Structure formats: C-alpha cells, structure tokens
C-alpha atoms as a PDB file:
ATOM      1  CA  MET A   1      -9.514  -7.245  24.397  1.00  0.00           C
ATOM      2  CA  ASP A   2      -9.415  -5.947  28.061  1.00  0.00           C
ATOM      3  CA  ASN A   3     -12.746  -5.743  29.996  1.00  0.00           C
ATOM      4  CA  HIS A   4     -12.070  -2.289  31.267  1.00  0.00           C
ATOM      5  CA  THR A   5     -12.699  -0.696  27.814  1.00  0.00           C
ATOM      6  CA  THR A   6     -15.993   1.193  28.324  1.00  0.00           C
ATOM      7  CA  VAL A   7     -16.463   2.507  24.794  1.00  0.00           C
ATOM      8  CA  SER A   8     -18.298  -0.124  22.522  1.00  0.00           C
ATOM      9  CA  THR A   9     -18.508   2.145  19.349  1.00  0.00           C
ATOM     10  CA  PHE A  10     -16.369   4.919  17.889  1.00  0.00           C
ATOM     11  CA  LEU A  11     -17.580   7.825  15.579  1.00  0.00           C
ATOM     12  CA  LEU A  12     -15.303   8.361  12.470  1.00  0.00           C
ATOM     13  CA  TRP A  13     -15.546  12.099  12.301  1.00  0.00           C
ATOM     14  CA  GLY A  14     -13.507  12.148   9.080  1.00  0.00           C
ATOM     15  CA  PHE A  15     -14.599  14.800   6.617  1.00  0.00           C
ATOM     16  CA  SER A  16     -17.549  16.013   8.707  1.00  0.00           C
ATOM     17  CA  SER A  17     -15.761  19.227   9.221  1.00  0.00           C
ATOM     18  CA  PHE A  18     -16.241  19.820   5.402  1.00  0.00           C
ATOM     19  CA  PRO A  19     -20.138  19.220   4.969  1.00  0.00           C
ATOM     20  CA  ASP A  20     -20.251  21.163   1.719  1.00  0.00           C
ATOM     21  CA  LEU A  21     -17.547  19.141   0.083  1.00  0.00           C
ATOM     22  CA  GLN A  22     -18.679  15.684   0.961  1.00  0.00           C
ATOM     23  CA  ASP A  23     -20.552  15.076  -2.247  1.00  0.00           C
ATOM     24  CA  LEU A  24     -17.549  16.279  -4.366  1.00  0.00           C
ATOM     25  CA  LEU A  25     -15.269  14.069  -2.216  1.00  0.00           C
ATOM     26  CA  PHE A  26     -17.500  11.007  -2.780  1.00  0.00           C
ATOM     27  CA  VAL A  27     -17.286  11.449  -6.557  1.00  0.00           C
ATOM     28  CA  MET A  28     -13.594  12.006  -6.532  1.00  0.00           C
ATOM     29  CA  VAL A  29     -12.834   9.059  -4.178  1.00  0.00           C
ATOM     30  CA  PHE A  30     -15.254   6.813  -6.035  1.00  0.00           C
ATOM     31  CA  PHE A  31     -13.612   7.212  -9.315  1.00  0.00           C
ATOM     32  CA  SER A  32     -10.265   6.936  -7.765  1.00  0.00           C
ATOM     33  CA  HIS A  33     -11.163   3.727  -6.333  1.00  0.00           C
ATOM     34  CA  VAL A  34     -12.490   2.307  -9.595  1.00  0.00           C
ATOM     35  CA  THR A  35      -9.257   3.375 -11.246  1.00  0.00           C
ATOM     36  CA  ILE A  36      -7.228   1.724  -8.513  1.00  0.00           C
ATOM     37  CA  LEU A  37      -8.959  -1.556  -8.935  1.00  0.00           C
ATOM     38  CA  ALA A  38      -8.887  -1.402 -12.696  1.00  0.00           C
ATOM     39  CA  ALA A  39      -5.162  -0.454 -12.963  1.00  0.00           C
ATOM     40  CA  ASN A  40      -3.975  -3.014 -10.336  1.00  0.00           C
ATOM     41  CA  VAL A  41      -6.197  -5.800 -11.748  1.00  0.00           C
ATOM     42  CA  SER A  42      -4.812  -4.993 -15.195  1.00  0.00           C
ATOM     43  CA  ILE A  43      -1.294  -5.361 -13.949  1.00  0.00           C
ATOM     44  CA  MET A  44      -2.062  -8.631 -12.300  1.00  0.00           C
ATOM     45  CA  VAL A  45      -3.916  -9.965 -15.366  1.00  0.00           C
ATOM     46  CA  ALA A  46      -1.090  -8.820 -17.656  1.00  0.00           C
ATOM     47  CA  VAL A  47       1.513 -10.673 -15.679  1.00  0.00           C
ATOM     48  CA  LYS A  48      -0.571 -13.763 -15.462  1.00  0.00           C
ATOM     49  CA  LEU A  49      -1.241 -14.034 -19.117  1.00  0.00           C
ATOM     50  CA  ASN A  50       1.984 -12.926 -20.725  1.00  0.00           C
ATOM     51  CA  HIS A  51       4.748 -15.658 -20.396  1.00  0.00           C
ATOM     52  CA  SER A  52       7.427 -12.948 -21.143  1.00  0.00           C
ATOM     53  CA  LEU A  53       6.566 -11.329 -17.776  1.00  0.00           C
ATOM     54  CA  HIS A  54       6.972 -14.555 -15.763  1.00  0.00           C
ATOM     55  CA  ILE A  55      10.169 -13.434 -14.130  1.00  0.00           C
ATOM     56  CA  PRO A  56      10.781 -12.394 -10.513  1.00  0.00           C
ATOM     57  CA  MET A  57      10.486  -8.591 -11.044  1.00  0.00           C
ATOM     58  CA  TYR A  58       6.963  -9.002 -12.284  1.00  0.00           C
ATOM     59  CA  PHE A  59       6.064 -11.561  -9.750  1.00  0.00           C
ATOM     60  CA  PHE A  60       6.788  -9.033  -7.004  1.00  0.00           C
ATOM     61  CA  LEU A  61       5.030  -6.323  -8.965  1.00  0.00           C
ATOM     62  CA  CYS A  62       1.935  -8.515  -9.174  1.00  0.00           C
ATOM     63  CA  GLY A  63       2.141  -9.210  -5.401  1.00  0.00           C
ATOM     64  CA  LEU A  64       2.527  -5.464  -4.675  1.00  0.00           C
ATOM     65  CA  SER A  65      -0.440  -4.696  -6.971  1.00  0.00           C
ATOM     66  CA  PHE A  66      -2.596  -7.382  -5.079  1.00  0.00           C
ATOM     67  CA  SER A  67      -1.503  -5.987  -1.723  1.00  0.00           C
ATOM     68  CA  GLU A  68      -2.308  -2.365  -2.873  1.00  0.00           C
ATOM     69  CA  THR A  69      -5.720  -3.417  -4.054  1.00  0.00           C
ATOM     70  CA  CYS A  70      -6.388  -5.131  -0.722  1.00  0.00           C
ATOM     71  CA  THR A  71      -5.255  -2.044   1.176  1.00  0.00           C
ATOM     72  CA  ALA A  72      -7.492   0.247  -0.789  1.00  0.00           C
ATOM     73  CA  MET A  73     -10.578  -2.237  -0.252  1.00  0.00           C
ATOM     74  CA  VAL A  74      -9.899  -2.100   3.517  1.00  0.00           C
ATOM     75  CA  ILE A  75     -10.314   1.763   3.646  1.00  0.00           C
ATOM     76  CA  ILE A  76     -12.132   3.281   0.687  1.00  0.00           C
ATOM     77  CA  PRO A  77     -15.404   1.406   0.541  1.00  0.00           C
ATOM     78  CA  ARG A  78     -16.043   2.433   4.249  1.00  0.00           C
ATOM     79  CA  MET A  79     -15.017   6.004   3.396  1.00  0.00           C
ATOM     80  CA  LEU A  80     -17.439   6.140   0.578  1.00  0.00           C
ATOM     81  CA  VAL A  81     -20.301   4.756   2.903  1.00  0.00           C
ATOM     82  CA  ASP A  82     -19.483   7.455   5.479  1.00  0.00           C
ATOM     83  CA  LEU A  83     -19.341  10.254   3.050  1.00  0.00           C
ATOM     84  CA  LEU A  84     -22.995   9.626   2.255  1.00  0.00           C
ATOM     85  CA  SER A  85     -24.212   8.458   5.692  1.00  0.00           C
ATOM     86  CA  ASP A  86     -25.310  10.539   8.637  1.00  0.00           C
ATOM     87  CA  SER A  87     -24.246   7.732  11.072  1.00  0.00           C
ATOM     88  CA  LYS A  88     -20.512   7.323  10.931  1.00  0.00           C
ATOM     89  CA  SER A  89     -20.318   4.935  13.803  1.00  0.00           C
ATOM     90  CA  ILE A  90     -18.040   1.937  13.878  1.00  0.00           C
ATOM     91  CA  SER A  91     -17.749  -0.821  16.530  1.00  0.00           C
ATOM     92  CA  VAL A  92     -14.529  -1.378  18.443  1.00  0.00           C
ATOM     93  CA  PHE A  93     -14.192  -4.787  16.901  1.00  0.00           C
ATOM     94  CA  GLU A  94     -14.612  -3.342  13.339  1.00  0.00           C
ATOM     95  CA  CYS A  95     -12.059  -0.665  14.119  1.00  0.00           C
ATOM     96  CA  ALA A  96      -9.458  -3.130  15.361  1.00  0.00           C
ATOM     97  CA  THR A  97     -10.103  -5.405  12.298  1.00  0.00           C
ATOM     98  CA  GLN A  98      -9.682  -2.363   9.877  1.00  0.00           C
ATOM     99  CA  MET A  99      -6.582  -1.270  11.690  1.00  0.00           C
ATOM    100  CA  PHE A 100      -5.109  -4.846  11.665  1.00  0.00           C
ATOM    101  CA  PHE A 101      -5.693  -5.419   7.913  1.00  0.00           C
ATOM    102  CA  PHE A 102      -4.583  -1.830   6.986  1.00  0.00           C
ATOM    103  CA  PHE A 103      -1.176  -1.953   8.838  1.00  0.00           C
ATOM    104  CA  GLY A 104      -0.652  -5.605   7.903  1.00  0.00           C
ATOM    105  CA  LEU A 105      -1.037  -4.800   4.285  1.00  0.00           C
ATOM    106  CA  SER A 106       0.968  -1.567   4.532  1.00  0.00           C
ATOM    107  CA  GLY A 107       3.859  -3.455   6.263  1.00  0.00           C
ATOM    108  CA  ASN A 108       3.584  -6.123   3.626  1.00  0.00           C
ATOM    109  CA  ASN A 109       3.978  -3.507   0.917  1.00  0.00           C
ATOM    110  CA  CYS A 110       7.101  -2.226   2.523  1.00  0.00           C
ATOM    111  CA  PHE A 111       8.817  -5.555   2.660  1.00  0.00           C
ATOM    112  CA  ILE A 112       7.694  -6.524  -0.877  1.00  0.00           C
ATOM    113  CA  MET A 113       9.432  -3.332  -2.118  1.00  0.00           C
ATOM    114  CA  ALA A 114      12.569  -4.436  -0.102  1.00  0.00           C
ATOM    115  CA  ALA A 115      12.376  -7.796  -2.037  1.00  0.00           C
ATOM    116  CA  MET A 116      11.983  -5.986  -5.145  1.00  0.00           C
ATOM    117  CA  SER A 117      15.242  -3.970  -4.517  1.00  0.00           C
ATOM    118  CA  TYR A 118      17.056  -7.133  -3.645  1.00  0.00           C
ATOM    119  CA  ASP A 119      15.821  -8.755  -6.922  1.00  0.00           C
ATOM    120  CA  ARG A 120      17.285  -5.699  -8.877  1.00  0.00           C
ATOM    121  CA  TYR A 121      20.503  -6.043  -7.171  1.00  0.00           C
ATOM    122  CA  THR A 122      20.741  -9.707  -7.841  1.00  0.00           C
ATOM    123  CA  ALA A 123      19.821  -9.093 -11.649  1.00  0.00           C
ATOM    124  CA  ILE A 124      22.626  -6.421 -11.965  1.00  0.00           C
ATOM    125  CA  HIS A 125      25.328  -8.004  -9.767  1.00  0.00           C
ATOM    126  CA  ASN A 126      24.921 -11.600 -10.992  1.00  0.00           C
ATOM    127  CA  PRO A 127      23.101 -11.541 -14.468  1.00  0.00           C
ATOM    128  CA  LEU A 128      24.602 -14.895 -15.530  1.00  0.00           C
ATOM    129  CA  HIS A 129      23.341 -16.687 -12.278  1.00  0.00           C
ATOM    130  CA  TYR A 130      20.268 -14.660 -11.850  1.00  0.00           C
ATOM    131  CA  SER A 131      17.812 -17.468 -12.731  1.00  0.00           C
ATOM    132  CA  ILE A 132      19.635 -19.804 -10.194  1.00  0.00           C
ATOM    133  CA  LEU A 133      19.718 -17.208  -7.393  1.00  0.00           C
ATOM    134  CA  MET A 134      16.070 -15.965  -7.894  1.00  0.00           C
ATOM    135  CA  THR A 135      14.115 -19.225  -8.437  1.00  0.00           C
ATOM    136  CA  ARG A 136      10.287 -19.410  -8.123  1.00  0.00           C
ATOM    137  CA  LYS A 137      10.708 -21.053  -4.666  1.00  0.00           C
ATOM    138  CA  ILE A 138      12.888 -18.287  -3.366  1.00  0.00           C
ATOM    139  CA  CYS A 139      10.648 -15.515  -4.705  1.00  0.00           C
ATOM    140  CA  PHE A 140       7.640 -17.238  -3.146  1.00  0.00           C
ATOM    141  CA  GLN A 141       9.512 -17.434   0.212  1.00  0.00           C
ATOM    142  CA  LEU A 142      10.369 -13.787   0.219  1.00  0.00           C
ATOM    143  CA  MET A 143       6.660 -12.902  -0.596  1.00  0.00           C
ATOM    144  CA  MET A 144       5.424 -15.108   2.182  1.00  0.00           C
ATOM    145  CA  ALA A 145       7.964 -13.503   4.557  1.00  0.00           C
ATOM    146  CA  ALA A 146       6.697 -10.152   3.702  1.00  0.00           C
ATOM    147  CA  TRP A 147       3.088 -11.082   4.460  1.00  0.00           C
ATOM    148  CA  LEU A 148       4.079 -12.817   7.646  1.00  0.00           C
ATOM    149  CA  VAL A 149       6.242 -10.134   9.061  1.00  0.00           C
ATOM    150  CA  GLY A 150       3.648  -7.290   8.061  1.00  0.00           C
ATOM    151  CA  PHE A 151       0.755  -9.053   9.802  1.00  0.00           C
ATOM    152  CA  LEU A 152       2.743 -10.062  12.982  1.00  0.00           C
ATOM    153  CA  VAL A 153       3.819  -6.494  13.502  1.00  0.00           C
ATOM    154  CA  SER A 154       0.241  -5.314  12.820  1.00  0.00           C
ATOM    155  CA  MET A 155      -1.175  -7.793  15.337  1.00  0.00           C
ATOM    156  CA  CYS A 156       1.274  -6.493  18.013  1.00  0.00           C
ATOM    157  CA  ILE A 157       0.260  -2.952  17.369  1.00  0.00           C
ATOM    158  CA  VAL A 158      -3.429  -3.696  17.346  1.00  0.00           C
ATOM    159  CA  THR A 159      -3.047  -5.663  20.566  1.00  0.00           C
ATOM    160  CA  ILE A 160      -1.320  -2.846  22.323  1.00  0.00           C
ATOM    161  CA  VAL A 161      -3.894  -0.269  21.052  1.00  0.00           C
ATOM    162  CA  PHE A 162      -7.031  -2.206  21.869  1.00  0.00           C
ATOM    163  CA  ASN A 163      -5.899  -3.204  25.336  1.00  0.00           C
ATOM    164  CA  LEU A 164      -5.948   0.506  26.341  1.00  0.00           C
ATOM    165  CA  SER A 165      -8.987   2.066  28.197  1.00  0.00           C
ATOM    166  CA  PHE A 166     -11.335   4.119  26.095  1.00  0.00           C
ATOM    167  CA  CYS A 167     -13.416   6.021  28.577  1.00  0.00           C
ATOM    168  CA  ASP A 168     -13.550   9.656  27.271  1.00  0.00           C
ATOM    169  CA  SER A 169     -14.661  10.803  23.906  1.00  0.00           C
ATOM    170  CA  ASN A 170     -15.388   8.141  21.161  1.00  0.00           C
ATOM    171  CA  THR A 171     -14.891  10.606  18.225  1.00  0.00           C
ATOM    172  CA  ILE A 172     -11.996   9.601  16.113  1.00  0.00           C
ATOM    173  CA  GLN A 173     -10.769  12.626  14.206  1.00  0.00           C
ATOM    174  CA  HIS A 174     -10.010  10.640  11.036  1.00  0.00           C
ATOM    175  CA  PHE A 175     -11.866   8.792   8.135  1.00  0.00           C
ATOM    176  CA  PHE A 176     -10.473   5.407   9.284  1.00  0.00           C
ATOM    177  CA  CYS A 177      -9.075   3.748  12.420  1.00  0.00           C
ATOM    178  CA  ASP A 178      -5.547   5.089  12.292  1.00  0.00           C
ATOM    179  CA  ILE A 179      -3.246   4.648  15.361  1.00  0.00           C
ATOM    180  CA  SER A 180      -2.691   8.211  16.546  1.00  0.00           C
ATOM    181  CA  PRO A 181      -6.392   9.314  16.461  1.00  0.00           C
ATOM    182  CA  VAL A 182      -7.499   6.223  18.274  1.00  0.00           C
ATOM    183  CA  VAL A 183      -4.828   6.183  20.895  1.00  0.00           C
ATOM    184  CA  CYS A 184      -5.544   9.849  21.841  1.00  0.00           C
ATOM    185  CA  LEU A 185      -9.044   8.718  23.121  1.00  0.00           C
ATOM    186  CA  ALA A 186      -7.523   6.325  25.661  1.00  0.00           C
ATOM    187  CA  CYS A 187      -7.243   7.235  29.371  1.00  0.00           C
ATOM    188  CA  ASP A 188      -3.948   5.201  30.081  1.00  0.00           C
ATOM    189  CA  TYR A 189      -1.986   5.920  27.015  1.00  0.00           C
ATOM    190  CA  THR A 190       1.494   6.319  28.581  1.00  0.00           C
ATOM    191  CA  LEU A 191       5.009   6.929  27.234  1.00  0.00           C
ATOM    192  CA  SER A 192       5.835   3.240  27.331  1.00  0.00           C
ATOM    193  CA  TYR A 193       2.874   2.400  24.993  1.00  0.00           C
ATOM    194  CA  GLU A 194       3.875   5.277  22.722  1.00  0.00           C
ATOM    195  CA  MET A 195       7.492   4.019  22.512  1.00  0.00           C
ATOM    196  CA  ALA A 196       6.277   0.358  21.901  1.00  0.00           C
ATOM    197  CA  ILE A 197       4.070   1.435  19.046  1.00  0.00           C
ATOM    198  CA  PHE A 198       6.825   3.815  17.622  1.00  0.00           C
ATOM    199  CA  VAL A 199       9.448   0.981  17.725  1.00  0.00           C
ATOM    200  CA  LEU A 200       7.090  -1.390  15.823  1.00  0.00           C
ATOM    201  CA  SER A 201       6.122   1.313  13.282  1.00  0.00           C
ATOM    202  CA  ALA A 202       9.842   2.213  12.886  1.00  0.00           C
ATOM    203  CA  PHE A 203      10.775  -1.573  12.471  1.00  0.00           C
ATOM    204  CA  VAL A 204       8.561  -1.754   9.492  1.00  0.00           C
ATOM    205  CA  LEU A 205       9.186   1.611   7.871  1.00  0.00           C
ATOM    206  CA  VAL A 206      12.843   2.218   8.750  1.00  0.00           C
ATOM    207  CA  GLY A 207      13.832  -1.449   8.783  1.00  0.00           C
ATOM    208  CA  SER A 208      12.464  -2.171   5.157  1.00  0.00           C
ATOM    209  CA  PHE A 209      13.877   1.257   3.978  1.00  0.00           C
ATOM    210  CA  ILE A 210      17.323   0.380   5.283  1.00  0.00           C
ATOM    211  CA  LEU A 211      17.245  -2.976   3.312  1.00  0.00           C
ATOM    212  CA  ILE A 212      16.211  -1.031   0.271  1.00  0.00           C
ATOM    213  CA  MET A 213      18.968   1.440   0.611  1.00  0.00           C
ATOM    214  CA  ILE A 214      21.616  -1.257   1.262  1.00  0.00           C
ATOM    215  CA  SER A 215      20.570  -2.956  -2.153  1.00  0.00           C
ATOM    216  CA  TYR A 216      20.816   0.402  -3.798  1.00  0.00           C
ATOM    217  CA  VAL A 217      24.244   1.286  -2.429  1.00  0.00           C
ATOM    218  CA  PHE A 218      25.524  -1.947  -3.902  1.00  0.00           C
ATOM    219  CA  ILE A 219      23.653  -1.378  -7.206  1.00  0.00           C
ATOM    220  CA  GLY A 220      25.220   2.048  -7.351  1.00  0.00           C
ATOM    221  CA  SER A 221      28.610   0.906  -6.706  1.00  0.00           C
ATOM    222  CA  ILE A 222      28.303  -1.990  -9.466  1.00  0.00           C
ATOM    223  CA  VAL A 223      26.801   0.562 -11.999  1.00  0.00           C
ATOM    224  CA  MET A 224      29.496   3.169 -11.509  1.00  0.00           C
ATOM    225  CA  LYS A 225      32.125   0.460 -12.438  1.00  0.00           C
ATOM    226  CA  MET A 226      30.442  -0.422 -15.697  1.00  0.00           C
ATOM    227  CA  PRO A 227      32.695   0.733 -18.654  1.00  0.00           C
ATOM    228  CA  SER A 228      29.929   1.916 -20.985  1.00  0.00           C
ATOM    229  CA  ALA A 229      27.488   4.725 -20.446  1.00  0.00           C
ATOM    230  CA  LYS A 230      24.805   2.691 -22.320  1.00  0.00           C
ATOM    231  CA  GLY A 231      25.245  -0.076 -19.756  1.00  0.00           C
ATOM    232  CA  ARG A 232      24.909   2.253 -16.843  1.00  0.00           C
ATOM    233  CA  TYR A 233      21.779   3.768 -18.296  1.00  0.00           C
ATOM    234  CA  LYS A 234      20.201   0.508 -18.867  1.00  0.00           C
ATOM    235  CA  ALA A 235      20.957  -0.585 -15.313  1.00  0.00           C
ATOM    236  CA  PHE A 236      19.640   2.521 -13.692  1.00  0.00           C
ATOM    237  CA  SER A 237      16.456   2.532 -16.033  1.00  0.00           C
ATOM    238  CA  THR A 238      15.499  -0.954 -14.581  1.00  0.00           C
ATOM    239  CA  CYS A 239      15.501   0.647 -11.188  1.00  0.00           C
ATOM    240  CA  SER A 240      13.856   4.000 -11.779  1.00  0.00           C
ATOM    241  CA  SER A 241      10.183   2.823 -11.527  1.00  0.00           C
ATOM    242  CA  HIS A 242      10.995   1.051  -8.205  1.00  0.00           C
ATOM    243  CA  LEU A 243      12.778   4.023  -6.769  1.00  0.00           C
ATOM    244  CA  THR A 244       9.911   6.451  -7.709  1.00  0.00           C
ATOM    245  CA  VAL A 245       7.409   4.197  -6.027  1.00  0.00           C
ATOM    246  CA  VAL A 246       9.741   3.801  -2.852  1.00  0.00           C
ATOM    247  CA  CYS A 247      10.315   7.538  -2.554  1.00  0.00           C
ATOM    248  CA  THR A 248       6.635   8.412  -2.698  1.00  0.00           C
ATOM    249  CA  HIS A 249       5.504   5.586  -0.381  1.00  0.00           C
ATOM    250  CA  TYR A 250       8.001   6.164   2.241  1.00  0.00           C
ATOM    251  CA  GLY A 251       7.961   9.913   2.021  1.00  0.00           C
ATOM    252  CA  PHE A 252       4.238   9.954   2.883  1.00  0.00           C
ATOM    253  CA  ALA A 253       4.314   7.186   5.374  1.00  0.00           C
ATOM    254  CA  GLY A 254       7.352   8.465   7.258  1.00  0.00           C
ATOM    255  CA  PHE A 255       5.805  11.906   7.579  1.00  0.00           C
ATOM    256  CA  VAL A 256       2.598  10.475   9.137  1.00  0.00           C
ATOM    257  CA  TYR A 257       3.935   7.822  11.460  1.00  0.00           C
ATOM    258  CA  LEU A 258       7.515   8.704  12.397  1.00  0.00           C
ATOM    259  CA  ARG A 259       7.201  12.354  13.376  1.00  0.00           C
ATOM    260  CA  PRO A 260       6.135  13.672  16.765  1.00  0.00           C
ATOM    261  CA  LYS A 261       2.321  13.882  17.244  1.00  0.00           C
ATOM    262  CA  SER A 262       0.152  16.709  18.636  1.00  0.00           C
ATOM    263  CA  SER A 263      -3.615  17.169  18.821  1.00  0.00           C
ATOM    264  CA  ASP A 264      -3.180  19.958  16.077  1.00  0.00           C
ATOM    265  CA  SER A 265      -1.534  17.438  13.672  1.00  0.00           C
ATOM    266  CA  PHE A 266      -4.659  15.108  13.134  1.00  0.00           C
ATOM    267  CA  ARG A 267      -6.065  17.246  10.267  1.00  0.00           C
ATOM    268  CA  GLU A 268      -2.739  17.392   8.571  1.00  0.00           C
ATOM    269  CA  ASP A 269      -2.363  13.655   9.061  1.00  0.00           C
ATOM    270  CA  MET A 270      -5.892  13.079   7.643  1.00  0.00           C
ATOM    271  CA  LEU A 271      -5.024  14.984   4.439  1.00  0.00           C
ATOM    272  CA  MET A 272      -1.789  13.088   4.007  1.00  0.00           C
ATOM    273  CA  ALA A 273      -3.690   9.878   4.642  1.00  0.00           C
ATOM    274  CA  VAL A 274      -5.840  10.659   1.728  1.00  0.00           C
ATOM    275  CA  THR A 275      -2.853  10.696  -0.524  1.00  0.00           C
ATOM    276  CA  TYR A 276      -1.353   7.387   0.610  1.00  0.00           C
ATOM    277  CA  THR A 277      -4.603   5.573   0.805  1.00  0.00           C
ATOM    278  CA  VAL A 278      -6.089   6.839  -2.466  1.00  0.00           C
ATOM    279  CA  LEU A 279      -3.433   8.212  -4.540  1.00  0.00           C
ATOM    280  CA  THR A 280      -0.386   6.007  -3.820  1.00  0.00           C
ATOM    281  CA  PRO A 281      -2.207   2.764  -4.866  1.00  0.00           C
ATOM    282  CA  LEU A 282      -2.628   4.481  -8.234  1.00  0.00           C
ATOM    283  CA  LEU A 283       1.078   5.334  -8.477  1.00  0.00           C
ATOM    284  CA  ASN A 284       2.396   1.714  -8.742  1.00  0.00           C
ATOM    285  CA  PRO A 285       0.505   0.778 -12.052  1.00  0.00           C
ATOM    286  CA  ILE A 286       0.960   4.162 -13.522  1.00  0.00           C
ATOM    287  CA  VAL A 287       4.846   4.413 -12.908  1.00  0.00           C
ATOM    288  CA  TYR A 288       5.364   0.732 -14.072  1.00  0.00           C
ATOM    289  CA  SER A 289       3.239   1.162 -17.183  1.00  0.00           C
ATOM    290  CA  LEU A 290       4.750   4.503 -18.186  1.00  0.00           C
ATOM    291  CA  ARG A 291       8.301   3.454 -17.639  1.00  0.00           C
ATOM    292  CA  ASN A 292       8.309  -0.146 -18.811  1.00  0.00           C
ATOM    293  CA  LYS A 293       7.835  -1.149 -22.422  1.00  0.00           C
ATOM    294  CA  GLU A 294       7.282  -4.808 -21.708  1.00  0.00           C
ATOM    295  CA  MET A 295       4.379  -3.809 -19.356  1.00  0.00           C
ATOM    296  CA  GLN A 296       3.003  -1.386 -21.880  1.00  0.00           C
ATOM    297  CA  ILE A 297       2.939  -4.151 -24.535  1.00  0.00           C
ATOM    298  CA  ALA A 298       1.185  -6.585 -22.175  1.00  0.00           C
ATOM    299  CA  LEU A 299      -1.379  -3.861 -21.096  1.00  0.00           C
ATOM    300  CA  ARG A 300      -2.209  -3.000 -24.554  1.00  0.00           C
ATOM    301  CA  LYS A 301      -2.902  -6.642 -25.344  1.00  0.00           C
ATOM    302  CA  ILE A 302      -5.208  -6.749 -22.337  1.00  0.00           C
ATOM    303  CA  VAL A 303      -7.105  -3.644 -23.366  1.00  0.00           C
ATOM    304  CA  ASP A 304      -7.427  -4.872 -26.944  1.00  0.00           C
ATOM    305  CA  SER A 305      -8.697  -8.294 -25.849  1.00  0.00           C
ATOM    306  CA  ALA A 306     -11.278  -6.498 -23.447  1.00  0.00           C
ATOM    307  CA  SER A 307     -12.369  -4.282 -26.340  1.00  0.00           C
ATOM    308  CA  ARG A 308     -12.890  -7.107 -28.699  1.00  0.00           C
ATOM    309  CA  PHE A 309     -14.817  -9.038 -25.944  1.00  0.00           C
ATOM    310  CA  ILE A 310     -17.159  -5.988 -25.374  1.00  0.00           C
ATOM    311  CA  LEU A 311     -17.678  -5.612 -29.035  1.00  0.00           C
ATOM    312  CA  GLN A 312     -18.628  -9.082 -29.445  1.00  0.00           C
ATOM    313  CA  VAL A 313     -21.189  -9.051 -26.561  1.00  0.00           C
ATOM    314  CA  VAL A 314     -22.661  -5.875 -27.986  1.00  0.00           C
ATOM    315  CA  ASN A 315     -22.919  -7.336 -31.586  1.00  0.00           C
ATOM    316  CA  LYS A 316     -24.520 -10.490 -30.189  1.00  0.00           C
ATOM    317  CA  ARG A 317     -27.179  -8.455 -28.317  1.00  0.00           C
ATOM    318  CA  THR A 318     -27.711  -6.208 -31.385  1.00  0.00           C
ATOM    319  CA  LEU A 319     -28.338  -9.317 -33.545  1.00  0.00           C
ATOM    320  CA  ASN A 320     -30.757 -10.886 -30.964  1.00  0.00           C
ATOM    321  CA  ILE A 321     -32.785  -7.720 -30.899  1.00  0.00           C
END
C-alpha cells in the first residue's frame, strides 16, 4: 500500500441514515444469515452423504453453496456488529481484506456458474460420453480455475483501489467496503483508474456471462432438434434451476457494477447490495431444492436424520434427569 495514503481508518456509514430501523434490520439480517448458513450447509451435506448426487452437476452446486456461504460470512457478521454498535470504524487493512475476499468469492461464483452451464451442455450434447468428458479431475480443474481467476482479478482491483490517496472524508456511504463508495473518497481517482476497474469488473461479469450464454445457445439448438416434446421438456427442466440463479445473480450484479456511477446512486447501490449479499445466497439452495426431486429427497433424509439425532439427545437428557 502506498505511503501517501493519509487515512488510517474508514467509517462504514451504512444504515446510520435509518436509526429507527436498525434493530429491525438486525433481526431480519440475523435470521437471513442463519437461514443462508443452514440452507447452504444442508446442500453441501446432502451432496456429500448421498452417492446418487456424486455427479458433476452436484459437485459444482456444492462448490457454489460453499462459495456463497463464504461470501455471506465476509459481509454479514460485520454488518450485524455495526447495526448494534455506535462505532462503525474499520481500518484500511481490514477494508482491503474484506474487499479482496468479497470480490474474489463473487468472481468465483460467476465462473462456477459458467462451469455449470458447460456441464449442462455436455450432458445434453454428449449423454453417452458424459462420464468420460466430465471426469472428477476435469471438474476439479474447472473449480480450481474459477477460484484462481476470481481471486486474481480481485487482487488486481484491490491493488488499484488501495494505492489511491485517501485524504478527504473517511466516511464510506455503504455497509461494507464496496468499490465505488471507497474510490469516491480518493483524491487522485482519475479516468484511467476508473476504466481499469471497469474492465476488470466487466471481465468477470460479462466474460463469464458470455461463456454461460454460449453454452445455452448450443443447448437451445440441440434441444430444438429433439423429435419428442417430452425430451425437450426434460432437457430444459435440467437447466431451469441454473438459469433462474444466473438471471438473478447477473441482474443485480450488473446493475450495481456496470452502470455509470454518480454520488446520488450510492443509496440505490446500497439497497441493491442488501439483495445480492443477503437474499441471493438464499436463492441457490431454495431454487435447487424446489426444482430438483433428487435434491429434495436428499434434503429430507438430512432433516430426518437431524430430527432423530435431536430426539435421541433430548430423550437421553430426560432419562438422566
């Protein structure tokens, strides 16, 4: 980090504009966070314990659930603390660390979804050779590539942002260290820096989205050539959950990170950020559990096993008393 940075701490203003709503927001965000953790952990446990789910589609779903859980852990616990605290200060190092992990994990989510779309294309285009084309090794390589690219791009963005000079206000108009609210505090934020950050953000969002759309164009052309309506319906139904998650994820992220910024847009961006940091991580397990019978069966087994375990513990304690 450059020595000319004069600000040592930032103030996360966040929801301070709504002092009367902070207790209500805390309760809502807390229960959303618990639900995110429970739902995504349930997906991961279900995939791990059920051998019928040991196929590439669920391997990538498990990876996406893990990444979404980590994304929520980077943002929401800090948000909960700030909602109850009078002091909302965060050091420059903590701010940079939060930004690095948030954008690294977010980029990872994008490329995992691109890998999932390629997996669906392979399953529909080459069902007989699917197990040969999508081996465990290839799936692992795709997953590692998603993590590597996501965090490399994030490192580039964080390096650019925190080599700027922060010498005016230290109040970030957001509940976490997002790019736009941080760079607007810099004295030397020029068009060249803005374009560099935009290109890196577009590489992740637009680049991964193009890969997803290419897969679905090929999927669509294959499905339309299928002779039976039942076959077309079955092929499209295997993609519907993924498409729902993709549309929601890219819709919110694109609105926040790819549109022109102004000082008046920060409050809008903050409200949208609540959606993609709190609600979007909930969407993945909900959509896949509602639309996928195999996942529903696996999750029911997990719930039944957990219920039996709790009942056994309660009965043992009752007998001891």
